[in-house]
Amino acid sequence: MLWNRTVKKYGNRKKLSVSKLASLICRRGIMSQFQNTVFKNEMNPK
């Protein structure tokens, strides 16, 4: 799995800022989900 490979590549997952890992993972998928959510919220304001 991509996550395991990423963790191994960067070693200690506690030390290697979570934000760096998060940004890597965001770039491949989570970001698109987030954008979709924001887009929907903008189209349907509460």
C-alpha atoms as a PDB file:
ATOM      1  CA  MET A   1       0.000   0.000   0.000  1.00  0.00           C
ATOM      2  CA  LEU A   2       1.152   3.523  -0.742  1.00  0.00           C
ATOM      3  CA  TRP A   3       0.929   4.592   2.906  1.00  0.00           C
ATOM      4  CA  ASN A   4       3.227   1.812   4.142  1.00  0.00           C
ATOM      5  CA  ARG A   5       5.760   2.530   1.429  1.00  0.00           C
ATOM      6  CA  THR A   6       5.680   6.217   2.304  1.00  0.00           C
ATOM      7  CA  VAL A   7       6.204   5.535   5.994  1.00  0.00           C
ATOM      8  CA  LYS A   8       9.109   3.191   5.304  1.00  0.00           C
ATOM      9  CA  LYS A   9      10.655   5.622   2.846  1.00  0.00           C
ATOM     10  CA  TYR A  10      10.643   8.432   5.368  1.00  0.00           C
ATOM     11  CA  GLY A  11      11.406   6.320   8.391  1.00  0.00           C
ATOM     12  CA  ASN A  12      10.128   7.267  11.819  1.00  0.00           C
ATOM     13  CA  ARG A  13       6.546   8.273  11.160  1.00  0.00           C
ATOM     14  CA  LYS A  14       6.258  10.167  14.447  1.00  0.00           C
ATOM     15  CA  LYS A  15       9.288  12.345  13.787  1.00  0.00           C
ATOM     16  CA  LEU A  16       8.689  13.021  10.115  1.00  0.00           C
ATOM     17  CA  SER A  17       6.128  15.738  10.493  1.00  0.00           C
ATOM     18  CA  VAL A  18       2.691  14.332   9.942  1.00  0.00           C
ATOM     19  CA  SER A  19       1.993  17.370   7.806  1.00  0.00           C
ATOM     20  CA  LYS A  20       4.562  16.221   5.252  1.00  0.00           C
ATOM     21  CA  LEU A  21       2.955  12.788   5.013  1.00  0.00           C
ATOM     22  CA  ALA A  22      -0.468  14.387   4.922  1.00  0.00           C
ATOM     23  CA  SER A  23       0.521  16.683   2.080  1.00  0.00           C
ATOM     24  CA  LEU A  24       1.849  13.704   0.111  1.00  0.00           C
ATOM     25  CA  ILE A  25      -1.370  11.784   0.597  1.00  0.00           C
ATOM     26  CA  CYS A  26      -3.530  14.855   0.040  1.00  0.00           C
ATOM     27  CA  ARG A  27      -1.967  15.286  -3.358  1.00  0.00           C
ATOM     28  CA  ARG A  28      -3.170  11.867  -4.409  1.00  0.00           C
ATOM     29  CA  GLY A  29      -6.891  11.803  -3.771  1.00  0.00           C
ATOM     30  CA  ILE A  30      -7.918  13.312  -0.484  1.00  0.00           C
ATOM     31  CA  MET A  31      -7.520  16.761  -1.985  1.00  0.00           C
ATOM     32  CA  SER A  32      -9.944  16.011  -4.807  1.00  0.00           C
ATOM     33  CA  GLN A  33     -12.493  14.743  -2.278  1.00  0.00           C
ATOM     34  CA  PHE A  34     -12.021  17.900  -0.236  1.00  0.00           C
ATOM     35  CA  GLN A  35     -12.474  20.101  -3.305  1.00  0.00           C
ATOM     36  CA  ASN A  36     -15.641  18.232  -4.233  1.00  0.00           C
ATOM     37  CA  THR A  37     -17.020  18.822  -0.745  1.00  0.00           C
ATOM     38  CA  VAL A  38     -16.164  22.517  -0.831  1.00  0.00           C
ATOM     39  CA  PHE A  39     -17.682  22.842  -4.278  1.00  0.00           C
ATOM     40  CA  LYS A  40     -20.911  21.193  -3.127  1.00  0.00           C
ATOM     41  CA  ASN A  41     -21.052  23.439  -0.066  1.00  0.00           C
ATOM     42  CA  GLU A  42     -20.603  26.509  -2.250  1.00  0.00           C
ATOM     43  CA  MET A  43     -23.369  25.378  -4.582  1.00  0.00           C
ATOM     44  CA  ASN A  44     -25.696  24.627  -1.625  1.00  0.00           C
ATOM     45  CA  PRO A  45     -24.986  27.216   1.078  1.00  0.00           C
ATOM     46  CA  LYS A  46     -26.487  26.390   4.447  1.00  0.00           C
END
